[in-house]
Amino acid sequence: MNSGLTYEQETFVQDSIPVRLGKLATNLARINQLFSDSTHEDVVKSLIRETMYFLEWIAPDIDIDNACELANLGRFLTRWLFNWEQAWNDTDAKNQIIQELGIWSDSVLQMSKLPAVQQS
């Protein structure tokens, strides 16, 4: 194991790029789902932090255009964290974030080229 990597990072980067992007898309979908329920604030914050790590661990291994898209996603998540109280407590802000998270999740899933899972 590379001593410069955490166990989580070492495990994550062993997956193929499509699988890593799929995990990122799944995290975004989970955040989106949990964000609408005000009882999961700590879980949502934790998932956002994990997602930020995923972005950092994927970007060096993908083409520049997709890496730029992931950087934009990182900026979106960072802005959201800096304005957490408003994002969490304001219904209009929350609805906007939910919409954007759905778009980002779909975009990352398309980037991964993995098939979408149909929800019933």
PDB file of N, CA and C in Angstrom:
ATOM      1  N   MET A   1       0.846  -1.178   0.000  1.00  0.00           N
ATOM      2  CA  MET A   1       0.000   0.000   0.000  1.00  0.00           C
ATOM      3  C   MET A   1       0.889   1.237   0.000  1.00  0.00           C
ATOM      4  N   ASN A   2       0.500   2.236  -0.770  1.00  0.00           N
ATOM      5  CA  ASN A   2       1.223   3.494  -0.841  1.00  0.00           C
ATOM      6  C   ASN A   2       1.057   4.228   0.482  1.00  0.00           C
ATOM      7  N   SER A   3       2.167   4.521   1.149  1.00  0.00           N
ATOM      8  CA  SER A   3       2.095   5.131   2.480  1.00  0.00           C
ATOM      9  C   SER A   3       1.536   6.548   2.458  1.00  0.00           C
ATOM     10  N   GLY A   4       1.470   7.185   1.292  1.00  0.00           N
ATOM     11  CA  GLY A   4       0.921   8.530   1.201  1.00  0.00           C
ATOM     12  C   GLY A   4      -0.595   8.561   1.089  1.00  0.00           C
ATOM     13  N   LEU A   5      -1.216   7.405   0.993  1.00  0.00           N
ATOM     14  CA  LEU A   5      -2.661   7.339   0.817  1.00  0.00           C
ATOM     15  C   LEU A   5      -3.332   6.763   2.056  1.00  0.00           C
ATOM     16  N   THR A   6      -4.523   7.255   2.342  1.00  0.00           N
ATOM     17  CA  THR A   6      -5.311   6.649   3.413  1.00  0.00           C
ATOM     18  C   THR A   6      -5.865   5.324   2.903  1.00  0.00           C
ATOM     19  N   TYR A   7      -6.340   4.501   3.811  1.00  0.00           N
ATOM     20  CA  TYR A   7      -6.932   3.228   3.416  1.00  0.00           C
ATOM     21  C   TYR A   7      -8.117   3.459   2.478  1.00  0.00           C
ATOM     22  N   GLU A   8      -8.957   4.438   2.816  1.00  0.00           N
ATOM     23  CA  GLU A   8     -10.133   4.721   1.999  1.00  0.00           C
ATOM     24  C   GLU A   8      -9.736   5.152   0.590  1.00  0.00           C
ATOM     25  N   GLN A   9      -8.716   6.010   0.505  1.00  0.00           N
ATOM     26  CA  GLN A   9      -8.265   6.474  -0.803  1.00  0.00           C
ATOM     27  C   GLN A   9      -7.649   5.326  -1.591  1.00  0.00           C
ATOM     28  N   GLU A  10      -6.823   4.541  -0.949  1.00  0.00           N
ATOM     29  CA  GLU A  10      -6.177   3.408  -1.614  1.00  0.00           C
ATOM     30  C   GLU A  10      -7.227   2.452  -2.174  1.00  0.00           C
ATOM     31  N   THR A  11      -8.250   2.171  -1.394  1.00  0.00           N
ATOM     32  CA  THR A  11      -9.322   1.283  -1.837  1.00  0.00           C
ATOM     33  C   THR A  11     -10.095   1.904  -2.991  1.00  0.00           C
ATOM     34  N   PHE A  12     -10.420   3.172  -2.869  1.00  0.00           N
ATOM     35  CA  PHE A  12     -11.210   3.868  -3.888  1.00  0.00           C
ATOM     36  C   PHE A  12     -10.472   3.924  -5.220  1.00  0.00           C
ATOM     37  N   VAL A  13      -9.208   4.291  -5.216  1.00  0.00           N
ATOM     38  CA  VAL A  13      -8.477   4.475  -6.475  1.00  0.00           C
ATOM     39  C   VAL A  13      -8.152   3.155  -7.165  1.00  0.00           C
ATOM     40  N   GLN A  14      -8.344   2.030  -6.483  1.00  0.00           N
ATOM     41  CA  GLN A  14      -8.144   0.733  -7.133  1.00  0.00           C
ATOM     42  C   GLN A  14      -9.282   0.402  -8.095  1.00  0.00           C
ATOM     43  N   ASP A  15     -10.436   1.041  -7.899  1.00  0.00           N
ATOM     44  CA  ASP A  15     -11.565   0.824  -8.805  1.00  0.00           C
ATOM     45  C   ASP A  15     -11.294   1.498 -10.146  1.00  0.00           C
ATOM     46  N   SER A  16     -11.974   1.010 -11.173  1.00  0.00           N
ATOM     47  CA  SER A  16     -11.862   1.639 -12.492  1.00  0.00           C
ATOM     48  C   SER A  16     -12.494   3.033 -12.446  1.00  0.00           C
ATOM     49  N   ILE A  17     -12.156   3.858 -13.413  1.00  0.00           N
ATOM     50  CA  ILE A  17     -12.714   5.213 -13.487  1.00  0.00           C
ATOM     51  C   ILE A  17     -14.245   5.169 -13.560  1.00  0.00           C
ATOM     52  N   PRO A  18     -14.836   4.333 -14.423  1.00  0.00           N
ATOM     53  CA  PRO A  18     -16.305   4.296 -14.451  1.00  0.00           C
ATOM     54  C   PRO A  18     -16.924   3.919 -13.103  1.00  0.00           C
ATOM     55  N   VAL A  19     -16.317   3.004 -12.393  1.00  0.00           N
ATOM     56  CA  VAL A  19     -16.851   2.609 -11.082  1.00  0.00           C
ATOM     57  C   VAL A  19     -16.711   3.761 -10.093  1.00  0.00           C
ATOM     58  N   ARG A  20     -15.576   4.452 -10.112  1.00  0.00           N
ATOM     59  CA  ARG A  20     -15.402   5.601  -9.213  1.00  0.00           C
ATOM     60  C   ARG A  20     -16.428   6.691  -9.514  1.00  0.00           C
ATOM     61  N   LEU A  21     -16.634   6.962 -10.799  1.00  0.00           N
ATOM     62  CA  LEU A  21     -17.632   7.965 -11.170  1.00  0.00           C
ATOM     63  C   LEU A  21     -19.034   7.505 -10.774  1.00  0.00           C
ATOM     64  N   GLY A  22     -19.285   6.205 -10.886  1.00  0.00           N
ATOM     65  CA  GLY A  22     -20.565   5.665 -10.448  1.00  0.00           C
ATOM     66  C   GLY A  22     -20.780   5.856  -8.956  1.00  0.00           C
ATOM     67  N   LYS A  23     -19.726   5.659  -8.171  1.00  0.00           N
ATOM     68  CA  LYS A  23     -19.817   5.887  -6.722  1.00  0.00           C
ATOM     69  C   LYS A  23     -20.080   7.364  -6.428  1.00  0.00           C
ATOM     70  N   LEU A  24     -19.436   8.236  -7.188  1.00  0.00           N
ATOM     71  CA  LEU A  24     -19.660   9.673  -7.029  1.00  0.00           C
ATOM     72  C   LEU A  24     -21.115  10.021  -7.348  1.00  0.00           C
ATOM     73  N   ALA A  25     -21.630   9.495  -8.456  1.00  0.00           N
ATOM     74  CA  ALA A  25     -23.027   9.752  -8.831  1.00  0.00           C
ATOM     75  C   ALA A  25     -23.980   9.218  -7.771  1.00  0.00           C
ATOM     76  N   THR A  26     -23.667   8.061  -7.214  1.00  0.00           N
ATOM     77  CA  THR A  26     -24.500   7.483  -6.156  1.00  0.00           C
ATOM     78  C   THR A  26     -24.502   8.375  -4.927  1.00  0.00           C
ATOM     79  N   ASN A  27     -23.329   8.890  -4.548  1.00  0.00           N
ATOM     80  CA  ASN A  27     -23.267   9.805  -3.403  1.00  0.00           C
ATOM     81  C   ASN A  27     -24.127  11.043  -3.647  1.00  0.00           C
ATOM     82  N   LEU A  28     -24.045  11.593  -4.845  1.00  0.00           N
ATOM     83  CA  LEU A  28     -24.841  12.777  -5.163  1.00  0.00           C
ATOM     84  C   LEU A  28     -26.335  12.465  -5.081  1.00  0.00           C
ATOM     85  N   ALA A  29     -26.726  11.304  -5.573  1.00  0.00           N
ATOM     86  CA  ALA A  29     -28.137  10.910  -5.501  1.00  0.00           C
ATOM     87  C   ALA A  29     -28.577  10.716  -4.051  1.00  0.00           C
ATOM     88  N   ARG A  30     -27.705  10.137  -3.227  1.00  0.00           N
ATOM     89  CA  ARG A  30     -28.029   9.959  -1.803  1.00  0.00           C
ATOM     90  C   ARG A  30     -28.162  11.304  -1.105  1.00  0.00           C
ATOM     91  N   ILE A  31     -27.247  12.217  -1.391  1.00  0.00           N
ATOM     92  CA  ILE A  31     -27.330  13.559  -0.805  1.00  0.00           C
ATOM     93  C   ILE A  31     -28.652  14.203  -1.218  1.00  0.00           C
ATOM     94  N   ASN A  32     -28.963  14.095  -2.491  1.00  0.00           N
ATOM     95  CA  ASN A  32     -30.194  14.676  -3.012  1.00  0.00           C
ATOM     96  C   ASN A  32     -31.415  14.118  -2.284  1.00  0.00           C
ATOM     97  N   GLN A  33     -31.440  12.821  -2.098  1.00  0.00           N
ATOM     98  CA  GLN A  33     -32.570  12.175  -1.434  1.00  0.00           C
ATOM     99  C   GLN A  33     -32.669  12.591   0.033  1.00  0.00           C
ATOM    100  N   LEU A  34     -31.541  12.602   0.732  1.00  0.00           N
ATOM    101  CA  LEU A  34     -31.541  12.910   2.163  1.00  0.00           C
ATOM    102  C   LEU A  34     -31.714  14.399   2.446  1.00  0.00           C
ATOM    103  N   PHE A  35     -31.329  15.228   1.496  1.00  0.00           N
ATOM    104  CA  PHE A  35     -31.378  16.673   1.700  1.00  0.00           C
ATOM    105  C   PHE A  35     -32.796  17.174   1.915  1.00  0.00           C
ATOM    106  N   SER A  36     -33.749  16.508   1.321  1.00  0.00           N
ATOM    107  CA  SER A  36     -35.138  16.957   1.460  1.00  0.00           C
ATOM    108  C   SER A  36     -35.738  16.607   2.821  1.00  0.00           C
ATOM    109  N   ASP A  37     -35.060  15.757   3.589  1.00  0.00           N
ATOM    110  CA  ASP A  37     -35.542  15.370   4.920  1.00  0.00           C
ATOM    111  C   ASP A  37     -34.680  16.063   5.967  1.00  0.00           C
ATOM    112  N   SER A  38     -35.264  16.967   6.715  1.00  0.00           N
ATOM    113  CA  SER A  38     -34.495  17.803   7.644  1.00  0.00           C
ATOM    114  C   SER A  38     -33.908  17.043   8.828  1.00  0.00           C
ATOM    115  N   THR A  39     -34.182  15.759   8.956  1.00  0.00           N
ATOM    116  CA  THR A  39     -33.629  14.993  10.082  1.00  0.00           C
ATOM    117  C   THR A  39     -32.245  14.418   9.782  1.00  0.00           C
ATOM    118  N   HIS A  40     -31.741  14.602   8.570  1.00  0.00           N
ATOM    119  CA  HIS A  40     -30.478  13.971   8.172  1.00  0.00           C
ATOM    120  C   HIS A  40     -29.342  14.966   7.943  1.00  0.00           C
ATOM    121  N   GLU A  41     -29.343  16.076   8.628  1.00  0.00           N
ATOM    122  CA  GLU A  41     -28.350  17.122   8.378  1.00  0.00           C
ATOM    123  C   GLU A  41     -26.914  16.611   8.530  1.00  0.00           C
ATOM    124  N   ASP A  42     -26.615  15.909   9.610  1.00  0.00           N
ATOM    125  CA  ASP A  42     -25.245  15.425   9.826  1.00  0.00           C
ATOM    126  C   ASP A  42     -24.827  14.404   8.773  1.00  0.00           C
ATOM    127  N   VAL A  43     -25.750  13.549   8.371  1.00  0.00           N
ATOM    128  CA  VAL A  43     -25.447  12.558   7.340  1.00  0.00           C
ATOM    129  C   VAL A  43     -25.153  13.254   6.012  1.00  0.00           C
ATOM    130  N   VAL A  44     -25.946  14.257   5.686  1.00  0.00           N
ATOM    131  CA  VAL A  44     -25.738  14.998   4.438  1.00  0.00           C
ATOM    132  C   VAL A  44     -24.374  15.683   4.446  1.00  0.00           C
ATOM    133  N   LYS A  45     -24.029  16.329   5.545  1.00  0.00           N
ATOM    134  CA  LYS A  45     -22.712  16.983   5.635  1.00  0.00           C
ATOM    135  C   LYS A  45     -21.586  15.965   5.464  1.00  0.00           C
ATOM    136  N   SER A  46     -21.727  14.814   6.089  1.00  0.00           N
ATOM    137  CA  SER A  46     -20.716  13.765   5.978  1.00  0.00           C
ATOM    138  C   SER A  46     -20.595  13.269   4.535  1.00  0.00           C
ATOM    139  N   LEU A  47     -21.713  13.066   3.878  1.00  0.00           N
ATOM    140  CA  LEU A  47     -21.687  12.626   2.482  1.00  0.00           C
ATOM    141  C   LEU A  47     -21.073  13.680   1.567  1.00  0.00           C
ATOM    142  N   ILE A  48     -21.322  14.941   1.855  1.00  0.00           N
ATOM    143  CA  ILE A  48     -20.709  16.006   1.051  1.00  0.00           C
ATOM    144  C   ILE A  48     -19.194  15.968   1.207  1.00  0.00           C
ATOM    145  N   ARG A  49     -18.715  15.818   2.435  1.00  0.00           N
ATOM    146  CA  ARG A  49     -17.261  15.745   2.653  1.00  0.00           C
ATOM    147  C   ARG A  49     -16.668  14.541   1.918  1.00  0.00           C
ATOM    148  N   GLU A  50     -17.331  13.394   2.013  1.00  0.00           N
ATOM    149  CA  GLU A  50     -16.855  12.207   1.309  1.00  0.00           C
ATOM    150  C   GLU A  50     -16.848  12.448  -0.199  1.00  0.00           C
ATOM    151  N   THR A  51     -17.875  13.094  -0.694  1.00  0.00           N
ATOM    152  CA  THR A  51     -17.974  13.395  -2.120  1.00  0.00           C
ATOM    153  C   THR A  51     -16.838  14.306  -2.568  1.00  0.00           C
ATOM    154  N   MET A  52     -16.477  15.264  -1.738  1.00  0.00           N
ATOM    155  CA  MET A  52     -15.357  16.153  -2.064  1.00  0.00           C
ATOM    156  C   MET A  52     -14.052  15.350  -2.192  1.00  0.00           C
ATOM    157  N   TYR A  53     -13.873  14.374  -1.317  1.00  0.00           N
ATOM    158  CA  TYR A  53     -12.704  13.499  -1.442  1.00  0.00           C
ATOM    159  C   TYR A  53     -12.769  12.707  -2.743  1.00  0.00           C
ATOM    160  N   PHE A  54     -13.929  12.158  -3.071  1.00  0.00           N
ATOM    161  CA  PHE A  54     -14.070  11.411  -4.319  1.00  0.00           C
ATOM    162  C   PHE A  54     -13.650  12.272  -5.508  1.00  0.00           C
ATOM    163  N   LEU A  55     -14.096  13.520  -5.522  1.00  0.00           N
ATOM    164  CA  LEU A  55     -13.723  14.431  -6.609  1.00  0.00           C
ATOM    165  C   LEU A  55     -12.206  14.565  -6.702  1.00  0.00           C
ATOM    166  N   GLU A  56     -11.588  14.763  -5.558  1.00  0.00           N
ATOM    167  CA  GLU A  56     -10.129  14.925  -5.501  1.00  0.00           C
ATOM    168  C   GLU A  56      -9.410  13.669  -5.991  1.00  0.00           C
ATOM    169  N   TRP A  57      -9.955  12.514  -5.687  1.00  0.00           N
ATOM    170  CA  TRP A  57      -9.304  11.250  -6.031  1.00  0.00           C
ATOM    171  C   TRP A  57      -9.587  10.795  -7.457  1.00  0.00           C
ATOM    172  N   ILE A  58     -10.601  11.343  -8.088  1.00  0.00           N
ATOM    173  CA  ILE A  58     -10.926  10.971  -9.467  1.00  0.00           C
ATOM    174  C   ILE A  58     -10.233  11.898 -10.464  1.00  0.00           C
ATOM    175  N   ALA A  59     -10.242  13.181 -10.201  1.00  0.00           N
ATOM    176  CA  ALA A  59      -9.810  14.193 -11.174  1.00  0.00           C
ATOM    177  C   ALA A  59      -8.445  13.930 -11.822  1.00  0.00           C
ATOM    178  N   PRO A  60      -7.421  13.508 -11.075  1.00  0.00           N
ATOM    179  CA  PRO A  60      -6.117  13.325 -11.727  1.00  0.00           C
ATOM    180  C   PRO A  60      -6.091  12.208 -12.775  1.00  0.00           C
ATOM    181  N   ASP A  61      -7.077  11.326 -12.741  1.00  0.00           N
ATOM    182  CA  ASP A  61      -7.054  10.152 -13.607  1.00  0.00           C
ATOM    183  C   ASP A  61      -8.011  10.231 -14.794  1.00  0.00           C
ATOM    184  N   ILE A  62      -8.645  11.380 -15.008  1.00  0.00           N
ATOM    185  CA  ILE A  62      -9.584  11.499 -16.124  1.00  0.00           C
ATOM    186  C   ILE A  62      -9.156  12.631 -17.051  1.00  0.00           C
ATOM    187  N   ASP A  63      -9.801  12.685 -18.213  1.00  0.00           N
ATOM    188  CA  ASP A  63      -9.439  13.711 -19.194  1.00  0.00           C
ATOM    189  C   ASP A  63      -9.758  15.106 -18.653  1.00  0.00           C
ATOM    190  N   ILE A  64      -9.120  16.091 -19.245  1.00  0.00           N
ATOM    191  CA  ILE A  64      -9.179  17.463 -18.740  1.00  0.00           C
ATOM    192  C   ILE A  64     -10.594  18.031 -18.756  1.00  0.00           C
ATOM    193  N   ASP A  65     -11.383  17.718 -19.781  1.00  0.00           N
ATOM    194  CA  ASP A  65     -12.746  18.258 -19.847  1.00  0.00           C
ATOM    195  C   ASP A  65     -13.603  17.746 -18.694  1.00  0.00           C
ATOM    196  N   ASN A  66     -13.531  16.452 -18.442  1.00  0.00           N
ATOM    197  CA  ASN A  66     -14.298  15.892 -17.328  1.00  0.00           C
ATOM    198  C   ASN A  66     -13.746  16.347 -15.981  1.00  0.00           C
ATOM    199  N   ALA A  67     -12.431  16.504 -15.892  1.00  0.00           N
ATOM    200  CA  ALA A  67     -11.839  17.009 -14.649  1.00  0.00           C
ATOM    201  C   ALA A  67     -12.335  18.428 -14.363  1.00  0.00           C
ATOM    202  N   CYS A  68     -12.477  19.240 -15.405  1.00  0.00           N
ATOM    203  CA  CYS A  68     -13.018  20.599 -15.227  1.00  0.00           C
ATOM    204  C   CYS A  68     -14.464  20.547 -14.756  1.00  0.00           C
ATOM    205  N   GLU A  69     -15.241  19.625 -15.299  1.00  0.00           N
ATOM    206  CA  GLU A  69     -16.626  19.462 -14.848  1.00  0.00           C
ATOM    207  C   GLU A  69     -16.669  19.081 -13.369  1.00  0.00           C
ATOM    208  N   LEU A  70     -15.781  18.181 -12.967  1.00  0.00           N
ATOM    209  CA  LEU A  70     -15.745  17.784 -11.556  1.00  0.00           C
ATOM    210  C   LEU A  70     -15.295  18.949 -10.675  1.00  0.00           C
ATOM    211  N   ALA A  71     -14.401  19.791 -11.191  1.00  0.00           N
ATOM    212  CA  ALA A  71     -13.997  20.983 -10.435  1.00  0.00           C
ATOM    213  C   ALA A  71     -15.193  21.916 -10.245  1.00  0.00           C
ATOM    214  N   ASN A  72     -16.021  22.049 -11.277  1.00  0.00           N
ATOM    215  CA  ASN A  72     -17.240  22.860 -11.151  1.00  0.00           C
ATOM    216  C   ASN A  72     -18.188  22.264 -10.119  1.00  0.00           C
ATOM    217  N   LEU A  73     -18.302  20.958 -10.102  1.00  0.00           N
ATOM    218  CA  LEU A  73     -19.120  20.288  -9.090  1.00  0.00           C
ATOM    219  C   LEU A  73     -18.565  20.571  -7.699  1.00  0.00           C
ATOM    220  N   GLY A  74     -17.254  20.510  -7.556  1.00  0.00           N
ATOM    221  CA  GLY A  74     -16.622  20.814  -6.269  1.00  0.00           C
ATOM    222  C   GLY A  74     -16.909  22.236  -5.819  1.00  0.00           C
ATOM    223  N   ARG A  75     -16.881  23.177  -6.754  1.00  0.00           N
ATOM    224  CA  ARG A  75     -17.207  24.567  -6.416  1.00  0.00           C
ATOM    225  C   ARG A  75     -18.661  24.697  -5.973  1.00  0.00           C
ATOM    226  N   PHE A  76     -19.558  24.002  -6.657  1.00  0.00           N
ATOM    227  CA  PHE A  76     -20.971  24.008  -6.272  1.00  0.00           C
ATOM    228  C   PHE A  76     -21.136  23.498  -4.839  1.00  0.00           C
ATOM    229  N   LEU A  77     -20.510  22.378  -4.526  1.00  0.00           N
ATOM    230  CA  LEU A  77     -20.627  21.812  -3.177  1.00  0.00           C
ATOM    231  C   LEU A  77     -19.990  22.722  -2.133  1.00  0.00           C
ATOM    232  N   THR A  78     -18.871  23.333  -2.471  1.00  0.00           N
ATOM    233  CA  THR A  78     -18.189  24.229  -1.536  1.00  0.00           C
ATOM    234  C   THR A  78     -19.030  25.469  -1.252  1.00  0.00           C
ATOM    235  N   ARG A  79     -19.607  26.057  -2.299  1.00  0.00           N
ATOM    236  CA  ARG A  79     -20.488  27.222  -2.090  1.00  0.00           C
ATOM    237  C   ARG A  79     -21.658  26.848  -1.190  1.00  0.00           C
ATOM    238  N   TRP A  80     -22.178  25.679  -1.410  1.00  0.00           N
ATOM    239  CA  TRP A  80     -23.291  25.200  -0.609  1.00  0.00           C
ATOM    240  C   TRP A  80     -22.873  25.073   0.857  1.00  0.00           C
ATOM    241  N   LEU A  81     -21.715  24.503   1.113  1.00  0.00           N
ATOM    242  CA  LEU A  81     -21.245  24.353   2.498  1.00  0.00           C
ATOM    243  C   LEU A  81     -21.000  25.701   3.162  1.00  0.00           C
ATOM    244  N   PHE A  82     -20.469  26.671   2.408  1.00  0.00           N
ATOM    245  CA  PHE A  82     -20.226  27.998   2.979  1.00  0.00           C
ATOM    246  C   PHE A  82     -21.521  28.716   3.346  1.00  0.00           C
ATOM    247  N   ASN A  83     -22.599  28.363   2.672  1.00  0.00           N
ATOM    248  CA  ASN A  83     -23.910  28.966   2.938  1.00  0.00           C
ATOM    249  C   ASN A  83     -24.867  27.930   3.520  1.00  0.00           C
ATOM    250  N   TRP A  84     -24.339  27.076   4.380  1.00  0.00           N
ATOM    251  CA  TRP A  84     -25.089  25.922   4.869  1.00  0.00           C
ATOM    252  C   TRP A  84     -26.408  26.292   5.534  1.00  0.00           C
ATOM    253  N   GLU A  85     -26.396  27.251   6.432  1.00  0.00           N
ATOM    254  CA  GLU A  85     -27.620  27.591   7.168  1.00  0.00           C
ATOM    255  C   GLU A  85     -28.741  27.992   6.215  1.00  0.00           C
ATOM    256  N   GLN A  86     -28.416  28.841   5.252  1.00  0.00           N
ATOM    257  CA  GLN A  86     -29.434  29.250   4.286  1.00  0.00           C
ATOM    258  C   GLN A  86     -29.873  28.054   3.449  1.00  0.00           C
ATOM    259  N   ALA A  87     -28.916  27.272   2.984  1.00  0.00           N
ATOM    260  CA  ALA A  87     -29.243  26.130   2.131  1.00  0.00           C
ATOM    261  C   ALA A  87     -30.117  25.120   2.865  1.00  0.00           C
ATOM    262  N   TRP A  88     -29.827  24.902   4.133  1.00  0.00           N
ATOM    263  CA  TRP A  88     -30.543  23.884   4.894  1.00  0.00           C
ATOM    264  C   TRP A  88     -31.919  24.370   5.345  1.00  0.00           C
ATOM    265  N   ASN A  89     -32.046  25.655   5.643  1.00  0.00           N
ATOM    266  CA  ASN A  89     -33.278  26.158   6.254  1.00  0.00           C
ATOM    267  C   ASN A  89     -34.226  26.891   5.304  1.00  0.00           C
ATOM    268  N   ASP A  90     -33.756  27.298   4.150  1.00  0.00           N
ATOM    269  CA  ASP A  90     -34.583  28.056   3.213  1.00  0.00           C
ATOM    270  C   ASP A  90     -35.163  27.110   2.156  1.00  0.00           C
ATOM    271  N   THR A  91     -36.476  27.041   2.089  1.00  0.00           N
ATOM    272  CA  THR A  91     -37.148  26.108   1.179  1.00  0.00           C
ATOM    273  C   THR A  91     -36.793  26.370  -0.282  1.00  0.00           C
ATOM    274  N   ASP A  92     -36.746  27.635  -0.684  1.00  0.00           N
ATOM    275  CA  ASP A  92     -36.413  27.952  -2.076  1.00  0.00           C
ATOM    276  C   ASP A  92     -34.982  27.547  -2.406  1.00  0.00           C
ATOM    277  N   ALA A  93     -34.048  27.853  -1.497  1.00  0.00           N
ATOM    278  CA  ALA A  93     -32.651  27.462  -1.708  1.00  0.00           C
ATOM    279  C   ALA A  93     -32.539  25.942  -1.759  1.00  0.00           C
ATOM    280  N   LYS A  94     -33.249  25.278  -0.871  1.00  0.00           N
ATOM    281  CA  LYS A  94     -33.223  23.816  -0.814  1.00  0.00           C
ATOM    282  C   LYS A  94     -33.737  23.218  -2.128  1.00  0.00           C
ATOM    283  N   ASN A  95     -34.830  23.749  -2.642  1.00  0.00           N
ATOM    284  CA  ASN A  95     -35.380  23.245  -3.898  1.00  0.00           C
ATOM    285  C   ASN A  95     -34.413  23.449  -5.055  1.00  0.00           C
ATOM    286  N   GLN A  96     -33.728  24.592  -5.079  1.00  0.00           N
ATOM    287  CA  GLN A  96     -32.733  24.857  -6.123  1.00  0.00           C
ATOM    288  C   GLN A  96     -31.572  23.866  -6.027  1.00  0.00           C
ATOM    289  N   ILE A  97     -31.104  23.623  -4.821  1.00  0.00           N
ATOM    290  CA  ILE A  97     -29.993  22.686  -4.626  1.00  0.00           C
ATOM    291  C   ILE A  97     -30.408  21.276  -5.019  1.00  0.00           C
ATOM    292  N   ILE A  98     -31.617  20.871  -4.636  1.00  0.00           N
ATOM    293  CA  ILE A  98     -32.110  19.539  -5.000  1.00  0.00           C
ATOM    294  C   ILE A  98     -32.135  19.381  -6.519  1.00  0.00           C
ATOM    295  N   GLN A  99     -32.598  20.401  -7.214  1.00  0.00           N
ATOM    296  CA  GLN A  99     -32.634  20.359  -8.674  1.00  0.00           C
ATOM    297  C   GLN A  99     -31.217  20.248  -9.246  1.00  0.00           C
ATOM    298  N   GLU A 100     -30.306  21.064  -8.743  1.00  0.00           N
ATOM    299  CA  GLU A 100     -28.925  21.038  -9.242  1.00  0.00           C
ATOM    300  C   GLU A 100     -28.231  19.720  -8.918  1.00  0.00           C
ATOM    301  N   LEU A 101     -28.482  19.170  -7.735  1.00  0.00           N
ATOM    302  CA  LEU A 101     -27.888  17.881  -7.382  1.00  0.00           C
ATOM    303  C   LEU A 101     -28.345  16.786  -8.341  1.00  0.00           C
ATOM    304  N   GLY A 102     -29.612  16.810  -8.709  1.00  0.00           N
ATOM    305  CA  GLY A 102     -30.119  15.828  -9.668  1.00  0.00           C
ATOM    306  C   GLY A 102     -29.418  15.940 -11.011  1.00  0.00           C
ATOM    307  N   ILE A 103     -29.212  17.167 -11.457  1.00  0.00           N
ATOM    308  CA  ILE A 103     -28.514  17.403 -12.722  1.00  0.00           C
ATOM    309  C   ILE A 103     -27.079  16.904 -12.633  1.00  0.00           C
ATOM    310  N   TRP A 104     -26.393  17.234 -11.532  1.00  0.00           N
ATOM    311  CA  TRP A 104     -25.007  16.792 -11.356  1.00  0.00           C
ATOM    312  C   TRP A 104     -24.917  15.270 -11.288  1.00  0.00           C
ATOM    313  N   SER A 105     -25.808  14.643 -10.551  1.00  0.00           N
ATOM    314  CA  SER A 105     -25.789  13.188 -10.438  1.00  0.00           C
ATOM    315  C   SER A 105     -25.956  12.541 -11.813  1.00  0.00           C
ATOM    316  N   ASP A 106     -26.914  13.026 -12.595  1.00  0.00           N
ATOM    317  CA  ASP A 106     -27.124  12.498 -13.946  1.00  0.00           C
ATOM    318  C   ASP A 106     -25.904  12.730 -14.828  1.00  0.00           C
ATOM    319  N   SER A 107     -25.309  13.908 -14.723  1.00  0.00           N
ATOM    320  CA  SER A 107     -24.141  14.246 -15.530  1.00  0.00           C
ATOM    321  C   SER A 107     -22.957  13.333 -15.212  1.00  0.00           C
ATOM    322  N   VAL A 108     -22.721  13.107 -13.929  1.00  0.00           N
ATOM    323  CA  VAL A 108     -21.604  12.242 -13.528  1.00  0.00           C
ATOM    324  C   VAL A 108     -21.875  10.798 -13.948  1.00  0.00           C
ATOM    325  N   LEU A 109     -23.120  10.356 -13.838  1.00  0.00           N
ATOM    326  CA  LEU A 109     -23.462   9.004 -14.279  1.00  0.00           C
ATOM    327  C   LEU A 109     -23.230   8.857 -15.779  1.00  0.00           C
ATOM    328  N   GLN A 110     -23.589   9.868 -16.563  1.00  0.00           N
ATOM    329  CA  GLN A 110     -23.314   9.834 -18.003  1.00  0.00           C
ATOM    330  C   GLN A 110     -21.814   9.809 -18.272  1.00  0.00           C
ATOM    331  N   MET A 111     -21.070  10.568 -17.491  1.00  0.00           N
ATOM    332  CA  MET A 111     -19.621  10.603 -17.623  1.00  0.00           C
ATOM    333  C   MET A 111     -19.030   9.212 -17.379  1.00  0.00           C
ATOM    334  N   SER A 112     -19.629   8.468 -16.454  1.00  0.00           N
ATOM    335  CA  SER A 112     -19.116   7.143 -16.087  1.00  0.00           C
ATOM    336  C   SER A 112     -19.384   6.105 -17.164  1.00  0.00           C
ATOM    337  N   LYS A 113     -20.402   6.360 -17.986  1.00  0.00           N
ATOM    338  CA  LYS A 113     -20.844   5.421 -19.018  1.00  0.00           C
ATOM    339  C   LYS A 113     -21.411   4.130 -18.424  1.00  0.00           C
ATOM    340  N   LEU A 114     -21.752   4.156 -17.133  1.00  0.00           N
ATOM    341  CA  LEU A 114     -22.427   3.026 -16.499  1.00  0.00           C
ATOM    342  C   LEU A 114     -23.923   3.160 -16.762  1.00  0.00           C
ATOM    343  N   PRO A 115     -24.632   2.031 -16.842  1.00  0.00           N
ATOM    344  CA  PRO A 115     -26.082   2.125 -17.070  1.00  0.00           C
ATOM    345  C   PRO A 115     -26.796   2.701 -15.853  1.00  0.00           C
ATOM    346  N   ALA A 116     -27.816   3.486 -16.117  1.00  0.00           N
ATOM    347  CA  ALA A 116     -28.625   4.054 -15.031  1.00  0.00           C
ATOM    348  C   ALA A 116     -29.493   2.957 -14.439  1.00  0.00           C
ATOM    349  N   VAL A 117     -29.694   3.024 -13.140  1.00  0.00           N
ATOM    350  CA  VAL A 117     -30.565   2.084 -12.458  1.00  0.00           C
ATOM    351  C   VAL A 117     -31.953   2.704 -12.415  1.00  0.00           C
ATOM    352  N   GLN A 118     -32.931   1.983 -12.912  1.00  0.00           N
ATOM    353  CA  GLN A 118     -34.303   2.476 -12.904  1.00  0.00           C
ATOM    354  C   GLN A 118     -34.877   2.346 -11.509  1.00  0.00           C
ATOM    355  N   GLN A 119     -35.441   3.429 -10.993  1.00  0.00           N
ATOM    356  CA  GLN A 119     -36.067   3.401  -9.678  1.00  0.00           C
ATOM    357  C   GLN A 119     -37.547   3.153  -9.857  1.00  0.00           C
ATOM    358  N   SER A 120     -38.107   2.296  -9.006  1.00  0.00           N
ATOM    359  CA  SER A 120     -39.539   2.010  -9.109  1.00  0.00           C
ATOM    360  C   SER A 120     -40.351   2.831  -8.153  1.00  0.00           C
TER     361      SER A 120
END
